[in-house]
Amino acid sequence: MKRRARTVIALVGCLLIFVTGIARIFAGSPSDTTMFISYLFAVTGVIGAIANGVYLSKAK
């Protein structure tokens, strides 16, 4: 598998993690632990998406 294809797959995965975190935040789970996990997913998804986006733009 080429490097560009792996980067695109990683970018999509990070965006899915971000969307999962945001969806759980908006669902309004009552538990504090669940909200912490949701925020963790959202933050790590954004960081990964930005990093993979920068890497993808430099790979061209």
PDB file of N, CA and C in Angstrom:
ATOM      1  N   MET A   1       0.852  -1.169   0.000  1.00  0.00           N
ATOM      2  CA  MET A   1       0.000   0.000   0.000  1.00  0.00           C
ATOM      3  C   MET A   1       0.901   1.236   0.000  1.00  0.00           C
ATOM      4  N   LYS A   2       0.541   2.185  -0.791  1.00  0.00           N
ATOM      5  CA  LYS A   2       1.360   3.378  -0.905  1.00  0.00           C
ATOM      6  C   LYS A   2       1.168   4.295   0.296  1.00  0.00           C
ATOM      7  N   ARG A   3       2.148   5.154   0.488  1.00  0.00           N
ATOM      8  CA  ARG A   3       2.143   6.054   1.641  1.00  0.00           C
ATOM      9  C   ARG A   3       0.946   6.997   1.605  1.00  0.00           C
ATOM     10  N   ARG A   4       0.583   7.488   0.427  1.00  0.00           N
ATOM     11  CA  ARG A   4      -0.558   8.397   0.306  1.00  0.00           C
ATOM     12  C   ARG A   4      -1.862   7.701   0.694  1.00  0.00           C
ATOM     13  N   ALA A   5      -2.029   6.461   0.289  1.00  0.00           N
ATOM     14  CA  ALA A   5      -3.245   5.715   0.625  1.00  0.00           C
ATOM     15  C   ALA A   5      -3.339   5.469   2.127  1.00  0.00           C
ATOM     16  N   ARG A   6      -2.219   5.151   2.754  1.00  0.00           N
ATOM     17  CA  ARG A   6      -2.220   4.958   4.207  1.00  0.00           C
ATOM     18  C   ARG A   6      -2.563   6.242   4.945  1.00  0.00           C
ATOM     19  N   THR A   7      -2.070   7.359   4.435  1.00  0.00           N
ATOM     20  CA  THR A   7      -2.350   8.644   5.064  1.00  0.00           C
ATOM     21  C   THR A   7      -3.826   9.002   4.934  1.00  0.00           C
ATOM     22  N   VAL A   8      -4.414   8.743   3.792  1.00  0.00           N
ATOM     23  CA  VAL A   8      -5.839   9.020   3.590  1.00  0.00           C
ATOM     24  C   VAL A   8      -6.683   8.142   4.506  1.00  0.00           C
ATOM     25  N   ILE A   9      -6.329   6.882   4.640  1.00  0.00           N
ATOM     26  CA  ILE A   9      -7.060   5.981   5.536  1.00  0.00           C
ATOM     27  C   ILE A   9      -6.939   6.451   6.981  1.00  0.00           C
ATOM     28  N   ALA A  10      -5.755   6.883   7.387  1.00  0.00           N
ATOM     29  CA  ALA A  10      -5.555   7.396   8.743  1.00  0.00           C
ATOM     30  C   ALA A  10      -6.354   8.679   8.963  1.00  0.00           C
ATOM     31  N   LEU A  11      -6.422   9.537   7.957  1.00  0.00           N
ATOM     32  CA  LEU A  11      -7.192  10.775   8.050  1.00  0.00           C
ATOM     33  C   LEU A  11      -8.672  10.485   8.227  1.00  0.00           C
ATOM     34  N   VAL A  12      -9.188   9.544   7.468  1.00  0.00           N
ATOM     35  CA  VAL A  12     -10.598   9.158   7.599  1.00  0.00           C
ATOM     36  C   VAL A  12     -10.861   8.549   8.974  1.00  0.00           C
ATOM     37  N   GLY A  13      -9.945   7.733   9.463  1.00  0.00           N
ATOM     38  CA  GLY A  13     -10.093   7.143  10.791  1.00  0.00           C
ATOM     39  C   GLY A  13     -10.122   8.197  11.889  1.00  0.00           C
ATOM     40  N   CYS A  14      -9.249   9.186  11.784  1.00  0.00           N
ATOM     41  CA  CYS A  14      -9.230  10.265  12.783  1.00  0.00           C
ATOM     42  C   CYS A  14     -10.516  11.077  12.733  1.00  0.00           C
ATOM     43  N   LEU A  15     -11.005  11.325  11.540  1.00  0.00           N
ATOM     44  CA  LEU A  15     -12.268  12.060  11.431  1.00  0.00           C
ATOM     45  C   LEU A  15     -13.428  11.258  12.025  1.00  0.00           C
ATOM     46  N   LEU A  16     -13.406   9.946  11.859  1.00  0.00           N
ATOM     47  CA  LEU A  16     -14.452   9.111  12.461  1.00  0.00           C
ATOM     48  C   LEU A  16     -14.372   9.129  13.987  1.00  0.00           C
ATOM     49  N   ILE A  17     -13.160   9.114  14.524  1.00  0.00           N
ATOM     50  CA  ILE A  17     -12.996   9.211  15.980  1.00  0.00           C
ATOM     51  C   ILE A  17     -13.520  10.551  16.478  1.00  0.00           C
ATOM     52  N   PHE A  18     -13.214  11.621  15.744  1.00  0.00           N
ATOM     53  CA  PHE A  18     -13.691  12.955  16.106  1.00  0.00           C
ATOM     54  C   PHE A  18     -15.222  13.012  16.081  1.00  0.00           C
ATOM     55  N   VAL A  19     -15.829  12.487  15.030  1.00  0.00           N
ATOM     56  CA  VAL A  19     -17.290  12.512  14.903  1.00  0.00           C
ATOM     57  C   VAL A  19     -17.938  11.683  16.009  1.00  0.00           C
ATOM     58  N   THR A  20     -17.339  10.559  16.361  1.00  0.00           N
ATOM     59  CA  THR A  20     -17.868   9.743  17.448  1.00  0.00           C
ATOM     60  C   THR A  20     -17.849  10.501  18.763  1.00  0.00           C
ATOM     61  N   GLY A  21     -16.756  11.190  19.038  1.00  0.00           N
ATOM     62  CA  GLY A  21     -16.661  11.977  20.264  1.00  0.00           C
ATOM     63  C   GLY A  21     -17.685  13.101  20.305  1.00  0.00           C
ATOM     64  N   ILE A  22     -17.826  13.814  19.200  1.00  0.00           N
ATOM     65  CA  ILE A  22     -18.778  14.925  19.139  1.00  0.00           C
ATOM     66  C   ILE A  22     -20.211  14.409  19.262  1.00  0.00           C
ATOM     67  N   ALA A  23     -20.518  13.295  18.631  1.00  0.00           N
ATOM     68  CA  ALA A  23     -21.866  12.736  18.720  1.00  0.00           C
ATOM     69  C   ALA A  23     -22.206  12.343  20.150  1.00  0.00           C
ATOM     70  N   ARG A  24     -21.233  11.780  20.850  1.00  0.00           N
ATOM     71  CA  ARG A  24     -21.488  11.398  22.246  1.00  0.00           C
ATOM     72  C   ARG A  24     -21.601  12.616  23.152  1.00  0.00           C
ATOM     73  N   ILE A  25     -20.886  13.691  22.824  1.00  0.00           N
ATOM     74  CA  ILE A  25     -21.018  14.922  23.607  1.00  0.00           C
ATOM     75  C   ILE A  25     -22.404  15.509  23.426  1.00  0.00           C
ATOM     76  N   PHE A  26     -22.878  15.560  22.189  1.00  0.00           N
ATOM     77  CA  PHE A  26     -24.207  16.123  21.924  1.00  0.00           C
ATOM     78  C   PHE A  26     -25.328  15.210  22.416  1.00  0.00           C
ATOM     79  N   ALA A  27     -25.046  13.920  22.558  1.00  0.00           N
ATOM     80  CA  ALA A  27     -26.059  13.003  23.084  1.00  0.00           C
ATOM     81  C   ALA A  27     -26.306  13.284  24.558  1.00  0.00           C
ATOM     82  N   GLY A  28     -25.322  13.843  25.235  1.00  0.00           N
ATOM     83  CA  GLY A  28     -25.491  14.256  26.624  1.00  0.00           C
ATOM     84  C   GLY A  28     -25.548  13.102  27.598  1.00  0.00           C
ATOM     85  N   SER A  29     -24.568  12.233  27.555  1.00  0.00           N
ATOM     86  CA  SER A  29     -24.496  11.142  28.518  1.00  0.00           C
ATOM     87  C   SER A  29     -24.333  11.714  29.926  1.00  0.00           C
ATOM     88  N   PRO A  30     -25.050  11.200  30.902  1.00  0.00           N
ATOM     89  CA  PRO A  30     -25.015  11.787  32.240  1.00  0.00           C
ATOM     90  C   PRO A  30     -23.737  11.517  33.034  1.00  0.00           C
ATOM     91  N   SER A  31     -23.004  10.486  32.724  1.00  0.00           N
ATOM     92  CA  SER A  31     -21.833  10.102  33.505  1.00  0.00           C
ATOM     93  C   SER A  31     -20.637  10.998  33.170  1.00  0.00           C
ATOM     94  N   ASP A  32     -19.904  11.392  34.215  1.00  0.00           N
ATOM     95  CA  ASP A  32     -18.724  12.224  34.009  1.00  0.00           C
ATOM     96  C   ASP A  32     -17.617  11.466  33.284  1.00  0.00           C
ATOM     97  N   THR A  33     -17.471  10.197  33.579  1.00  0.00           N
ATOM     98  CA  THR A  33     -16.447   9.389  32.930  1.00  0.00           C
ATOM     99  C   THR A  33     -16.723   9.264  31.437  1.00  0.00           C
ATOM    100  N   THR A  34     -17.979   9.081  31.087  1.00  0.00           N
ATOM    101  CA  THR A  34     -18.353   8.975  29.682  1.00  0.00           C
ATOM    102  C   THR A  34     -18.091  10.284  28.953  1.00  0.00           C
ATOM    103  N   MET A  35     -18.365  11.406  29.597  1.00  0.00           N
ATOM    104  CA  MET A  35     -18.101  12.702  28.978  1.00  0.00           C
ATOM    105  C   MET A  35     -16.602  12.919  28.800  1.00  0.00           C
ATOM    106  N   PHE A  36     -15.801  12.463  29.762  1.00  0.00           N
ATOM    107  CA  PHE A  36     -14.349  12.584  29.635  1.00  0.00           C
ATOM    108  C   PHE A  36     -13.846  11.812  28.418  1.00  0.00           C
ATOM    109  N   ILE A  37     -14.340  10.606  28.240  1.00  0.00           N
ATOM    110  CA  ILE A  37     -13.960   9.783  27.086  1.00  0.00           C
ATOM    111  C   ILE A  37     -14.394  10.464  25.791  1.00  0.00           C
ATOM    112  N   SER A  38     -15.588  11.046  25.796  1.00  0.00           N
ATOM    113  CA  SER A  38     -16.088  11.737  24.606  1.00  0.00           C
ATOM    114  C   SER A  38     -15.201  12.923  24.245  1.00  0.00           C
ATOM    115  N   TYR A  39     -14.826  13.719  25.234  1.00  0.00           N
ATOM    116  CA  TYR A  39     -13.926  14.844  24.975  1.00  0.00           C
ATOM    117  C   TYR A  39     -12.558  14.357  24.527  1.00  0.00           C
ATOM    118  N   LEU A  40     -12.099  13.261  25.102  1.00  0.00           N
ATOM    119  CA  LEU A  40     -10.814  12.688  24.709  1.00  0.00           C
ATOM    120  C   LEU A  40     -10.842  12.251  23.244  1.00  0.00           C
ATOM    121  N   PHE A  41     -11.922  11.593  22.834  1.00  0.00           N
ATOM    122  CA  PHE A  41     -12.082  11.190  21.433  1.00  0.00           C
ATOM    123  C   PHE A  41     -12.087  12.410  20.521  1.00  0.00           C
ATOM    124  N   ALA A  42     -12.820  13.434  20.901  1.00  0.00           N
ATOM    125  CA  ALA A  42     -12.921  14.630  20.057  1.00  0.00           C
ATOM    126  C   ALA A  42     -11.560  15.302  19.897  1.00  0.00           C
ATOM    127  N   VAL A  43     -10.839  15.456  20.984  1.00  0.00           N
ATOM    128  CA  VAL A  43      -9.545  16.152  20.930  1.00  0.00           C
ATOM    129  C   VAL A  43      -8.523  15.341  20.152  1.00  0.00           C
ATOM    130  N   THR A  44      -8.427  14.048  20.439  1.00  0.00           N
ATOM    131  CA  THR A  44      -7.440  13.234  19.726  1.00  0.00           C
ATOM    132  C   THR A  44      -7.795  13.085  18.248  1.00  0.00           C
ATOM    133  N   GLY A  45      -9.082  13.055  17.934  1.00  0.00           N
ATOM    134  CA  GLY A  45      -9.493  12.997  16.531  1.00  0.00           C
ATOM    135  C   GLY A  45      -9.093  14.243  15.766  1.00  0.00           C
ATOM    136  N   VAL A  46      -9.260  15.405  16.395  1.00  0.00           N
ATOM    137  CA  VAL A  46      -8.866  16.659  15.744  1.00  0.00           C
ATOM    138  C   VAL A  46      -7.356  16.720  15.560  1.00  0.00           C
ATOM    139  N   ILE A  47      -6.611  16.350  16.596  1.00  0.00           N
ATOM    140  CA  ILE A  47      -5.156  16.380  16.497  1.00  0.00           C
ATOM    141  C   ILE A  47      -4.666  15.444  15.394  1.00  0.00           C
ATOM    142  N   GLY A  48      -5.216  14.248  15.344  1.00  0.00           N
ATOM    143  CA  GLY A  48      -4.824  13.291  14.309  1.00  0.00           C
ATOM    144  C   GLY A  48      -5.210  13.750  12.920  1.00  0.00           C
ATOM    145  N   ALA A  49      -6.394  14.344  12.781  1.00  0.00           N
ATOM    146  CA  ALA A  49      -6.835  14.821  11.470  1.00  0.00           C
ATOM    147  C   ALA A  49      -5.943  15.959  10.981  1.00  0.00           C
ATOM    148  N   ILE A  50      -5.586  16.862  11.873  1.00  0.00           N
ATOM    149  CA  ILE A  50      -4.704  17.971  11.482  1.00  0.00           C
ATOM    150  C   ILE A  50      -3.332  17.442  11.091  1.00  0.00           C
ATOM    151  N   ALA A  51      -2.791  16.535  11.889  1.00  0.00           N
ATOM    152  CA  ALA A  51      -1.464  15.988  11.594  1.00  0.00           C
ATOM    153  C   ALA A  51      -1.460  15.229  10.270  1.00  0.00           C
ATOM    154  N   ASN A  52      -2.471  14.415  10.032  1.00  0.00           N
ATOM    155  CA  ASN A  52      -2.528  13.671   8.777  1.00  0.00           C
ATOM    156  C   ASN A  52      -2.797  14.586   7.591  1.00  0.00           C
ATOM    157  N   GLY A  53      -3.576  15.632   7.792  1.00  0.00           N
ATOM    158  CA  GLY A  53      -3.820  16.596   6.727  1.00  0.00           C
ATOM    159  C   GLY A  53      -2.549  17.332   6.330  1.00  0.00           C
ATOM    160  N   VAL A  54      -1.765  17.732   7.316  1.00  0.00           N
ATOM    161  CA  VAL A  54      -0.488  18.403   7.025  1.00  0.00           C
ATOM    162  C   VAL A  54       0.455  17.437   6.322  1.00  0.00           C
ATOM    163  N   TYR A  55       0.506  16.207   6.802  1.00  0.00           N
ATOM    164  CA  TYR A  55       1.381  15.211   6.173  1.00  0.00           C
ATOM    165  C   TYR A  55       0.948  14.930   4.736  1.00  0.00           C
ATOM    166  N   LEU A  56      -0.355  14.876   4.513  1.00  0.00           N
ATOM    167  CA  LEU A  56      -0.875  14.616   3.177  1.00  0.00           C
ATOM    168  C   LEU A  56      -0.574  15.785   2.241  1.00  0.00           C
ATOM    169  N   SER A  57      -0.673  17.005   2.744  1.00  0.00           N
ATOM    170  CA  SER A  57      -0.401  18.159   1.889  1.00  0.00           C
ATOM    171  C   SER A  57       1.084  18.257   1.539  1.00  0.00           C
ATOM    172  N   LYS A  58       1.957  17.820   2.425  1.00  0.00           N
ATOM    173  CA  LYS A  58       3.396  17.839   2.143  1.00  0.00           C
ATOM    174  C   LYS A  58       3.814  16.687   1.250  1.00  0.00           C
ATOM    175  N   ALA A  59       3.043  15.631   1.201  1.00  0.00           N
ATOM    176  CA  ALA A  59       3.403  14.439   0.418  1.00  0.00           C
ATOM    177  C   ALA A  59       3.180  14.613  -1.070  1.00  0.00           C
ATOM    178  N   LYS A  60       2.456  15.618  -1.474  1.00  0.00           N
ATOM    179  CA  LYS A  60       2.156  15.790  -2.907  1.00  0.00           C
ATOM    180  C   LYS A  60       3.338  16.230  -3.695  1.00  0.00           C
TER     181      LYS A  60
END
